[in-house]
Structures are given as structure tokens and as C-alpha cells.
Amino acid sequence: MNGTKRIKICALTTISKTMDWFIVDNMRNLSAHGYDVTLICNMDEGFAQRNSDYARCINLNMSRGADLFGLFGNTWRLLRIFRAEKFDLLYYTSPNVSMYAALAGKLAGVKTRVYSQCGLRYVSFDGLRRVIFKFIEKRTCGFSTHVRAQSPKNMQFAITEKLCGANKISVVGIGGTTGVDLKECDKFDHQETRDRLRSSFGIPANAFVYGYVGRVNADKGINELITAFYALQKEIQDIYLVLVGMIDDTNPVDAVTMASAKTNKRIVFTGNVPPDQVYQYMAMFDVLTHPTYREGFGKALQEAMGMRLPIITTNVPGPSEAVEDGISGILAEVKNPDDLAGKMRILYADKELRDRLACAGRLRAEKYFDRPTMLRNLLVDLNQILGIE
């Protein structure tokens, strides 16, 4: 960055887990390239300490899900912060805070307001709920000066839905956020970690494990995944399902399905794990299963490619672009547990196919999703927005 002036950027998410997963690596890199970074979210214990070496951290008490009080209260709080700090640029993602930040930033006169549009939640809704959440999404885009979709298909969908004009929205690189740290994927003993973690969860070393990483909720296809697993369990004796991530009560899995899954000795819920341990947990898997209804791009898919895992995901915008069907993964029909079970059955039976998909996925990760490449793309994009050479 030319000159001595540091660009004041404020990055916002609703909760700190989202910040950890999708934002902090980018902000660390921006700080190293002359940006003065502030982070705002509802912070878990230890978040500020982990990030205070490069950023100022401001805790704002926000919750996920629809929050009418937050629309007024948190927008007002952000307006006061933005007016006092005089940021050059706002960078926000996740539905609630993006609406608050876009509105408050416009009212405060922040010149550059970038919305990182990580998936469109309303696409899985019906009726009045869909109308309301689409309106919120459209207003968020309208109050932003730039929108960054996570994939070309998601960008085209946003344009078709008239969420924003084509002149406002684009994709960085071929899509995604901060990519995968391939050095972290490779630096530990995969077999030792696989055996140790399997043992800790009571999974035999020679069992076949279908794994999932992400929020455990309905929109991620967990109802269909559990249903598909039950269908396979009737036929195959040595399979397990491991669900890595927090149980999301704002978009819950069917109560009966969840209760049944929790009593199944071959379904393991690990709970939330720190981002720097995700690769180790993936070492337990034989296949990554990711039957999401909607997705910005699919960070877990990129991580699985880095870990040389074969992938099953759904034929929806984002995942269908991260994964090349039949080359680096297999696409299943969305909301179709029978089709999902069929794809899971195919990969169980065909080791040669699993190995071929895993190898191609790793090559794709090296070409497009290696973290230094992704971070460089994000830096170049923001510098161009700001007119920095």
C-alpha cells in the first residue's frame, strides 16, 4: 500500500464462530498489508484475546435469527460506533449484522460498504417468511455499495431475483472465502490422528465413516443425511456417521429425527470444534457428506479436498461449482434422501472411485483454493474497490 495512511476497515459478523470460520484469516492478511482492522461481533470467551495482536475487538450482544429489537438497538449502536471511528470501509457477512451494518454505515456516511453474501437464507423458506427475508436481503444489498457473491451461480441468482444490479455484484476468484490451508492439512500424521479420534468416539479403526462438518441444522440437509444413513444401516453393518459442528436451534433438525439420531450408537455428534482442529476431525472420515439446501460456496468442501477426501454434496449453486460432478465429487439431488443414500452406497462400494475423486479434489484445491491464493485475491479486490495501486 502506497503512503503511510492505514485504511480503517471494520469487519462484522453476528457471532464470533462465523468470524473465526470466514473472516479472521482475511483480516490478519489485510492488517499485514496496511489496513487498520476492527472486528465487531457477539464474542465468545477468548475471541478478543486470540485476535488482539492485529485487531481492535468490540463485543456487540447480537443473536442469530430474526430479531426486531436488534434491528433498532444494534443498528443504533453501530451507527454511534461508525460515526465515532470514521471507518473507510465496512466488510460484513451473516444475515442479521449485515442488515444492521449496511443501514448504519449508510446513515453514518461510510463511503465503502462491502457485503460478503455467503448464501441466501430465504431460498429455503416459503410464503410470508420468504417474502420478509427476501425483502431484508434486498435492503441489505441496496444499502451496500458493493456485493461479493460466493459463486457465479449465486451471483446470477441475486441478479435474477433483483436483489441488486449487475454493476454492484461480482465474485472474487472462482468463489469462496478464505480457502483451505494446505500446509495445515499436511503437517500432521493422518493415520495416527484418524485412529486416536476414532477411538475417543468409540468408532472401530476399520469402520467406514461418513462425515459432515458445519452447523447441524435443517438447511444443511441433516434430516436427509440421517434418513439416508438409516437406510444404509439396514444393509451395511460397519458404517458410522460423524456430525462435526454446533447444533443450531434457530433452524432445527426435525425433533423426532434428532432424538432418534442421538440414541443411535453409530451416529456421533462431536459438538463444535475450533477451526484449527477441523482438519484433524476430517481425518476420521472416509467420505464427506454435505447435503445442503443452500450455500455460498462451501468452505467444508474445500477443506475436504485439501484433506484428500471424496465428497458427496448437492446440486445447488455454490457446492455444484466448488465440486466438479464425477471428477472431484458427486452431486446428489437436494432434499432427496433416497438419491443421497444411493450416492453414499456407491462410494462405500467403490474404493477406486473414492481414490480418484480424492486425488482430483486435492489438485483442484491446490489450483484454486489454497489460502495464500484466496487471501491475495481478497486483498486485490478490496484495494481495487478503494482505488489503491
Protein backbone atom coordinates (compact mmCIF):
# COMPACT_ATOMS: atom_id res chain seq x y z
CA MET A 1 0.00 0.00 0.00
CA ASN A 2 1.46 3.34 -1.05
CA GLY A 3 1.99 6.03 1.53
CA THR A 4 1.69 5.82 5.30
CA LYS A 5 -2.07 6.13 5.80
CA ARG A 6 -3.63 2.91 7.06
CA ILE A 7 -7.10 2.13 5.74
CA LYS A 8 -9.59 1.78 8.60
CA ILE A 9 -11.67 -1.34 7.98
CA CYS A 10 -14.37 -2.76 10.23
CA ALA A 11 -15.39 -6.40 9.73
CA LEU A 12 -18.66 -7.60 11.22
CA THR A 13 -20.44 -10.92 11.75
CA THR A 14 -23.32 -11.77 14.07
CA ILE A 15 -21.42 -14.33 16.16
CA SER A 16 -17.71 -14.93 16.63
CA LYS A 17 -17.83 -18.52 15.30
CA THR A 18 -18.69 -17.08 11.88
CA MET A 19 -15.86 -14.58 12.26
CA ASP A 20 -13.44 -17.38 13.12
CA TRP A 21 -14.51 -19.51 10.17
CA PHE A 22 -14.80 -16.96 7.38
CA ILE A 23 -13.22 -13.61 8.29
CA VAL A 24 -10.22 -13.61 10.64
CA ASP A 25 -7.66 -15.02 8.18
CA ASN A 26 -8.60 -12.33 5.68
CA MET A 27 -8.38 -9.59 8.31
CA ARG A 28 -4.99 -10.79 9.54
CA ASN A 29 -3.71 -10.60 5.99
CA LEU A 30 -5.21 -7.14 5.45
CA SER A 31 -3.58 -5.93 8.66
CA ALA A 32 -0.22 -7.15 7.36
CA HIS A 33 -0.81 -5.11 4.20
CA GLY A 34 -1.52 -1.75 5.78
CA TYR A 35 -5.12 -1.96 7.00
CA ASP A 36 -6.17 -0.85 10.48
CA VAL A 37 -8.61 -3.61 11.50
CA THR A 38 -11.58 -3.55 13.87
CA LEU A 39 -13.72 -6.65 14.48
CA ILE A 40 -17.31 -6.45 15.74
CA CYS A 41 -19.44 -9.47 16.69
CA ASN A 42 -21.01 -11.25 19.63
CA MET A 43 -17.77 -12.65 21.01
CA ASP A 44 -17.22 -15.99 22.67
CA GLU A 45 -14.78 -16.18 25.56
CA GLY A 46 -11.22 -15.91 24.31
CA PHE A 47 -12.06 -14.43 20.91
CA ALA A 48 -10.67 -10.97 21.68
CA GLN A 49 -7.51 -12.42 23.18
CA ARG A 50 -6.89 -14.59 20.11
CA ASN A 51 -7.24 -11.63 17.74
CA SER A 52 -5.94 -8.65 19.71
CA ASP A 53 -2.45 -8.88 18.17
CA TYR A 54 -3.71 -7.42 14.88
CA ALA A 55 -7.19 -6.03 15.51
CA ARG A 56 -9.30 -3.97 17.85
CA CYS A 57 -12.20 -6.12 19.08
CA ILE A 58 -15.62 -4.73 20.00
CA ASN A 59 -18.17 -7.07 21.55
CA LEU A 60 -21.76 -6.42 20.49
CA ASN A 61 -24.51 -8.54 22.01
CA MET A 62 -26.33 -9.97 18.99
CA SER A 63 -28.19 -13.21 18.35
CA ARG A 64 -28.82 -15.25 15.23
CA GLY A 65 -32.32 -15.49 13.79
CA ALA A 66 -34.97 -12.81 13.28
CA ASP A 67 -34.60 -10.05 15.86
CA LEU A 68 -36.80 -6.97 15.62
CA PHE A 69 -35.23 -5.41 18.71
CA GLY A 70 -31.78 -5.90 17.21
CA LEU A 71 -32.81 -4.10 14.04
CA PHE A 72 -33.30 -0.92 16.03
CA GLY A 73 -30.99 -1.38 19.03
CA ASN A 74 -27.94 -2.77 17.27
CA THR A 75 -28.30 -0.50 14.25
CA TRP A 76 -28.26 2.48 16.62
CA ARG A 77 -25.21 1.11 18.47
CA LEU A 78 -23.35 0.56 15.21
CA LEU A 79 -24.32 4.00 13.96
CA ARG A 80 -22.69 5.55 17.02
CA ILE A 81 -19.54 3.44 16.59
CA PHE A 82 -19.26 4.21 12.87
CA ARG A 83 -19.67 7.95 13.40
CA ALA A 84 -17.03 7.95 16.12
CA GLU A 85 -14.49 5.76 14.31
CA LYS A 86 -14.91 7.16 10.78
CA PHE A 87 -14.08 3.89 9.05
CA ASP A 88 -13.01 3.93 5.42
CA LEU A 89 -14.61 0.57 4.71
CA LEU A 90 -17.13 -1.83 6.25
CA TYR A 91 -16.99 -5.55 5.43
CA TYR A 92 -19.84 -7.69 6.73
CA THR A 93 -21.38 -11.12 6.38
CA SER A 94 -24.16 -13.21 8.03
CA PRO A 95 -27.78 -12.05 7.76
CA ASN A 96 -28.55 -10.09 10.93
CA VAL A 97 -25.46 -7.96 11.32
CA SER A 98 -25.23 -7.32 7.58
CA MET A 99 -28.58 -5.57 7.64
CA TYR A 100 -27.64 -3.57 10.74
CA ALA A 101 -24.21 -2.63 9.40
CA ALA A 102 -25.36 -1.75 5.89
CA LEU A 103 -28.06 0.59 7.22
CA ALA A 104 -25.93 2.11 9.97
CA GLY A 105 -22.99 2.54 7.60
CA LYS A 106 -25.12 4.37 5.06
CA LEU A 107 -26.57 6.64 7.75
CA ALA A 108 -23.08 7.29 9.17
CA GLY A 109 -21.71 8.19 5.75
CA VAL A 110 -19.18 5.36 5.50
CA LYS A 111 -18.19 5.62 1.86
CA THR A 112 -17.46 1.95 1.11
CA ARG A 113 -19.76 -0.80 2.42
CA VAL A 114 -18.98 -4.32 1.19
CA TYR A 115 -21.47 -7.13 1.71
CA SER A 116 -19.94 -10.62 1.57
CA GLN A 117 -23.07 -12.54 0.58
CA CYS A 118 -22.43 -16.03 1.98
CA GLY A 119 -25.55 -17.78 0.76
CA LEU A 120 -29.17 -16.63 0.63
CA ARG A 121 -31.15 -17.95 3.55
CA TYR A 122 -34.58 -17.05 2.20
CA VAL A 123 -34.36 -19.52 -0.71
CA SER A 124 -35.31 -22.38 1.63
CA PHE A 125 -38.36 -20.51 3.03
CA ASP A 126 -41.96 -20.44 1.85
CA GLY A 127 -44.86 -17.99 2.00
CA LEU A 128 -44.71 -14.79 4.04
CA ARG A 129 -41.44 -15.79 5.69
CA ARG A 130 -39.76 -15.95 2.28
CA VAL A 131 -41.19 -12.55 1.32
CA ILE A 132 -39.92 -10.92 4.53
CA PHE A 133 -36.43 -12.38 4.38
CA LYS A 134 -36.07 -11.62 0.69
CA PHE A 135 -37.01 -8.01 1.45
CA ILE A 136 -34.33 -7.88 4.15
CA GLU A 137 -31.77 -9.32 1.73
CA LYS A 138 -32.71 -6.79 -0.92
CA ARG A 139 -32.44 -3.90 1.54
CA THR A 140 -29.02 -5.14 2.71
CA CYS A 141 -27.80 -5.20 -0.88
CA GLY A 142 -29.38 -1.81 -1.51
CA PHE A 143 -27.65 -0.16 1.46
CA SER A 144 -24.29 -1.68 0.43
CA THR A 145 -22.01 -0.12 -2.16
CA HIS A 146 -20.55 -3.47 -3.26
CA VAL A 147 -21.80 -7.06 -3.02
CA ARG A 148 -19.48 -10.04 -3.27
CA ALA A 149 -21.32 -13.28 -4.07
CA GLN A 150 -19.59 -16.51 -3.13
CA SER A 151 -20.04 -18.17 -6.52
CA PRO A 152 -21.05 -17.28 -10.11
CA LYS A 153 -24.38 -19.12 -9.85
CA ASN A 154 -25.24 -17.34 -6.59
CA MET A 155 -24.33 -14.04 -8.26
CA GLN A 156 -26.61 -14.75 -11.21
CA PHE A 157 -29.40 -15.79 -8.85
CA ALA A 158 -29.08 -12.49 -6.96
CA ILE A 159 -29.29 -10.55 -10.22
CA THR A 160 -32.26 -12.59 -11.47
CA GLU A 161 -34.04 -12.09 -8.13
CA LYS A 162 -33.34 -8.35 -8.46
CA LEU A 163 -31.54 -8.20 -5.12
CA CYS A 164 -29.07 -5.82 -6.74
CA GLY A 165 -27.90 -4.70 -10.15
CA ALA A 166 -25.20 -6.49 -12.11
CA ASN A 167 -22.97 -3.41 -11.76
CA LYS A 168 -22.82 -3.83 -7.96
CA ILE A 169 -22.12 -7.55 -7.57
CA SER A 170 -19.17 -9.76 -8.51
CA VAL A 171 -17.25 -12.86 -7.43
CA VAL A 172 -13.68 -12.91 -6.13
CA GLY A 173 -11.63 -15.54 -7.95
CA ILE A 174 -13.81 -18.54 -8.82
CA GLY A 175 -15.64 -18.23 -5.50
CA GLY A 176 -15.34 -18.97 -1.80
CA THR A 177 -13.96 -17.01 1.13
CA THR A 178 -10.56 -17.73 2.69
CA GLY A 179 -9.93 -21.14 1.21
CA VAL A 180 -8.02 -24.02 2.75
CA ASP A 181 -4.65 -24.04 4.50
CA LEU A 182 -2.94 -26.89 2.67
CA LYS A 183 0.11 -26.74 4.93
CA GLU A 184 -2.15 -27.38 7.93
CA CYS A 185 -3.77 -30.26 6.05
CA ASP A 186 -0.41 -31.91 5.54
CA LYS A 187 1.53 -31.19 8.71
CA PHE A 188 0.09 -33.92 10.96
CA ASP A 189 0.06 -37.71 10.85
CA HIS A 190 -3.32 -38.52 9.32
CA GLN A 191 -3.35 -42.21 10.24
CA GLU A 192 -2.39 -41.61 13.89
CA THR A 193 -4.96 -38.83 14.20
CA ARG A 194 -7.63 -40.96 12.50
CA ASP A 195 -7.05 -43.86 14.90
CA ARG A 196 -6.85 -41.67 18.00
CA LEU A 197 -10.00 -39.65 17.34
CA ARG A 198 -11.98 -42.69 16.24
CA SER A 199 -11.01 -44.43 19.43
CA SER A 200 -12.06 -41.41 21.51
CA PHE A 201 -15.58 -41.62 20.00
CA GLY A 202 -15.83 -45.40 20.14
CA ILE A 203 -15.51 -45.88 16.38
CA PRO A 204 -13.62 -49.01 15.23
CA ALA A 205 -10.45 -48.35 13.27
CA ASN A 206 -11.69 -50.34 10.27
CA ALA A 207 -15.24 -48.87 10.18
CA PHE A 208 -16.45 -46.83 7.20
CA VAL A 209 -17.21 -43.27 8.29
CA TYR A 210 -19.44 -40.76 6.54
CA GLY A 211 -18.62 -37.32 7.92
CA TYR A 212 -20.22 -33.89 7.95
CA VAL A 213 -18.75 -30.53 9.04
CA GLY A 214 -20.85 -27.42 9.67
CA ARG A 215 -23.88 -26.24 11.59
CA VAL A 216 -26.18 -29.13 12.40
CA ASN A 217 -29.47 -27.74 11.11
CA ALA A 218 -32.28 -28.37 8.66
CA ASP A 219 -30.96 -26.17 5.83
CA LYS A 220 -27.72 -28.16 5.76
CA GLY A 221 -29.71 -31.27 4.84
CA ILE A 222 -29.18 -33.06 8.15
CA ASN A 223 -32.70 -34.52 8.14
CA GLU A 224 -31.99 -36.10 4.77
CA LEU A 225 -28.50 -37.20 5.80
CA ILE A 226 -29.74 -39.02 8.90
CA THR A 227 -32.60 -40.59 6.92
CA ALA A 228 -30.18 -41.75 4.22
CA PHE A 229 -27.82 -43.16 6.83
CA TYR A 230 -30.63 -45.15 8.43
CA ALA A 231 -31.46 -46.64 5.03
CA LEU A 232 -27.85 -47.74 4.53
CA GLN A 233 -27.57 -49.01 8.08
CA LYS A 234 -30.21 -51.64 7.28
CA GLU A 235 -27.92 -53.03 4.57
CA ILE A 236 -24.36 -52.36 5.78
CA GLN A 237 -23.06 -53.22 9.24
CA ASP A 238 -19.75 -51.37 9.50
CA ILE A 239 -20.78 -47.74 8.81
CA TYR A 240 -20.81 -44.70 11.11
CA LEU A 241 -21.97 -41.10 10.69
CA VAL A 242 -19.98 -38.33 12.37
CA LEU A 243 -21.51 -34.85 12.59
CA VAL A 244 -18.93 -32.16 13.43
CA GLY A 245 -20.39 -28.80 14.41
CA MET A 246 -22.74 -26.99 16.73
CA ILE A 247 -26.42 -27.92 16.90
CA ASP A 248 -28.27 -24.91 15.50
CA ASP A 249 -31.52 -24.26 17.37
CA THR A 250 -32.51 -21.33 15.14
CA ASN A 251 -33.06 -23.70 12.19
CA PRO A 252 -33.51 -27.00 13.96
CA VAL A 253 -33.42 -30.52 12.64
CA ASP A 254 -36.76 -32.34 12.98
CA ALA A 255 -37.18 -33.14 16.69
CA VAL A 256 -38.09 -36.80 16.15
CA THR A 257 -35.18 -37.29 13.76
CA MET A 258 -32.74 -35.66 16.16
CA ALA A 259 -33.96 -37.64 19.16
CA SER A 260 -33.63 -40.88 17.22
CA ALA A 261 -30.15 -39.98 15.96
CA LYS A 262 -28.92 -39.22 19.47
CA THR A 263 -29.84 -42.75 20.57
CA ASN A 264 -28.14 -44.39 17.57
CA LYS A 265 -24.77 -45.74 18.68
CA ARG A 266 -23.40 -45.33 15.16
CA ILE A 267 -24.20 -41.63 14.86
CA VAL A 268 -21.69 -39.38 16.62
CA PHE A 269 -22.25 -35.71 17.46
CA THR A 270 -18.89 -34.11 18.27
CA GLY A 271 -20.21 -30.62 19.02
CA ASN A 272 -18.43 -27.51 17.85
CA VAL A 273 -14.68 -27.75 17.29
CA PRO A 274 -12.17 -24.90 16.82
CA PRO A 275 -11.37 -24.06 13.18
CA ASP A 276 -7.75 -25.17 13.62
CA GLN A 277 -8.92 -28.69 14.56
CA VAL A 278 -11.29 -29.28 11.66
CA TYR A 279 -8.66 -30.99 9.51
CA GLN A 280 -7.88 -33.44 12.31
CA TYR A 281 -11.56 -34.34 12.68
CA MET A 282 -11.84 -34.79 8.93
CA ALA A 283 -9.04 -37.35 9.16
CA MET A 284 -11.63 -39.69 10.74
CA PHE A 285 -13.78 -39.64 7.58
CA ASP A 286 -13.85 -41.91 4.55
CA VAL A 287 -16.32 -39.63 2.72
CA LEU A 288 -17.51 -36.08 3.34
CA THR A 289 -21.31 -35.85 3.03
CA HIS A 290 -22.66 -32.32 2.64
CA PRO A 291 -26.33 -32.41 1.50
CA THR A 292 -27.02 -28.69 1.94
CA TYR A 293 -30.12 -26.89 0.61
CA ARG A 294 -28.20 -23.67 0.02
CA GLU A 295 -24.61 -22.50 0.30
CA GLY A 296 -22.44 -19.56 -0.58
CA PHE A 297 -19.71 -21.85 -1.88
CA GLY A 298 -18.86 -24.48 0.73
CA LYS A 299 -15.75 -23.99 2.84
CA ALA A 300 -16.01 -27.53 4.23
CA LEU A 301 -15.90 -28.82 0.65
CA GLN A 302 -12.63 -27.01 0.00
CA GLU A 303 -11.20 -28.32 3.28
CA ALA A 304 -12.22 -31.87 2.37
CA MET A 305 -10.46 -31.51 -0.98
CA GLY A 306 -7.35 -30.37 0.84
CA MET A 307 -7.63 -33.45 3.06
CA ARG A 308 -7.96 -35.74 0.01
CA LEU A 309 -11.50 -36.83 0.84
CA PRO A 310 -14.10 -37.90 -1.70
CA ILE A 311 -17.18 -35.68 -1.49
CA ILE A 312 -20.94 -36.03 -1.84
CA THR A 313 -22.80 -32.72 -1.95
CA THR A 314 -25.94 -31.32 -3.55
CA ASN A 315 -26.59 -29.90 -6.99
CA VAL A 316 -27.25 -26.34 -5.81
CA PRO A 317 -25.43 -23.04 -6.51
CA GLY A 318 -22.12 -22.93 -4.66
CA PRO A 319 -21.41 -26.61 -3.96
CA SER A 320 -22.06 -27.56 -7.60
CA GLU A 321 -19.36 -25.03 -8.53
CA ALA A 322 -16.85 -25.89 -5.81
CA VAL A 323 -17.09 -29.56 -6.81
CA GLU A 324 -16.93 -30.86 -10.38
CA ASP A 325 -19.50 -33.63 -10.61
CA GLY A 326 -17.89 -37.00 -11.24
CA ILE A 327 -14.40 -35.50 -11.13
CA SER A 328 -13.74 -34.07 -7.65
CA GLY A 329 -17.02 -35.17 -6.06
CA ILE A 330 -20.51 -36.49 -6.67
CA LEU A 331 -23.66 -34.35 -6.72
CA ALA A 332 -26.93 -35.60 -5.22
CA GLU A 333 -30.40 -34.17 -5.64
CA VAL A 334 -31.28 -31.63 -2.96
CA LYS A 335 -33.84 -32.73 -0.33
CA ASN A 336 -33.81 -36.28 -1.70
CA PRO A 337 -32.66 -38.81 0.93
CA ASP A 338 -33.11 -41.74 -1.47
CA ASP A 339 -30.76 -40.23 -4.03
CA LEU A 340 -28.33 -39.28 -1.28
CA ALA A 341 -28.37 -42.84 0.09
CA GLY A 342 -27.70 -44.13 -3.43
CA LYS A 343 -24.63 -41.90 -3.81
CA MET A 344 -23.41 -42.91 -0.33
CA ARG A 345 -23.85 -46.57 -1.29
CA ILE A 346 -21.84 -46.08 -4.50
CA LEU A 347 -18.85 -44.60 -2.70
CA TYR A 348 -18.95 -47.25 0.02
CA ALA A 349 -18.64 -49.96 -2.61
CA ASP A 350 -16.11 -48.36 -4.97
CA LYS A 351 -12.69 -47.63 -3.46
CA GLU A 352 -11.19 -46.88 -6.86
CA LEU A 353 -13.78 -44.14 -7.40
CA ARG A 354 -13.16 -42.76 -3.91
CA ASP A 355 -9.43 -42.56 -4.58
CA ARG A 356 -9.94 -40.91 -7.97
CA LEU A 357 -12.29 -38.25 -6.58
CA ALA A 358 -9.96 -37.58 -3.65
CA CYS A 359 -6.93 -37.12 -5.90
CA ALA A 360 -8.74 -34.77 -8.28
CA GLY A 361 -10.15 -32.79 -5.36
CA ARG A 362 -6.72 -32.20 -3.90
CA LEU A 363 -5.41 -30.96 -7.26
CA ARG A 364 -8.40 -28.61 -7.52
CA ALA A 365 -7.72 -27.27 -4.01
CA GLU A 366 -4.07 -26.65 -4.89
CA LYS A 367 -5.04 -24.77 -8.04
CA TYR A 368 -7.90 -22.61 -6.77
CA PHE A 369 -8.43 -22.80 -3.01
CA ASP A 370 -5.01 -22.64 -1.36
CA ARG A 371 -5.28 -19.98 1.32
CA PRO A 372 -2.46 -17.68 0.11
CA THR A 373 -4.15 -17.56 -3.31
CA MET A 374 -7.56 -16.77 -1.82
CA LEU A 375 -6.20 -14.11 0.54
CA ARG A 376 -4.30 -12.44 -2.27
CA ASN A 377 -7.47 -12.34 -4.37
CA LEU A 378 -9.40 -10.72 -1.50
CA LEU A 379 -6.66 -8.13 -0.92
CA VAL A 380 -6.52 -7.21 -4.61
CA ASP A 381 -10.30 -6.89 -4.74
CA LEU A 382 -10.53 -4.52 -1.76
CA ASN A 383 -7.58 -2.48 -3.00
CA GLN A 384 -9.31 -2.09 -6.36
CA ILE A 385 -12.55 -1.02 -4.69
CA LEU A 386 -10.63 1.62 -2.75
CA GLY A 387 -8.57 2.71 -5.75
CA ILE A 388 -5.29 1.61 -4.18
CA GLU A 389 -2.46 0.61 -6.50
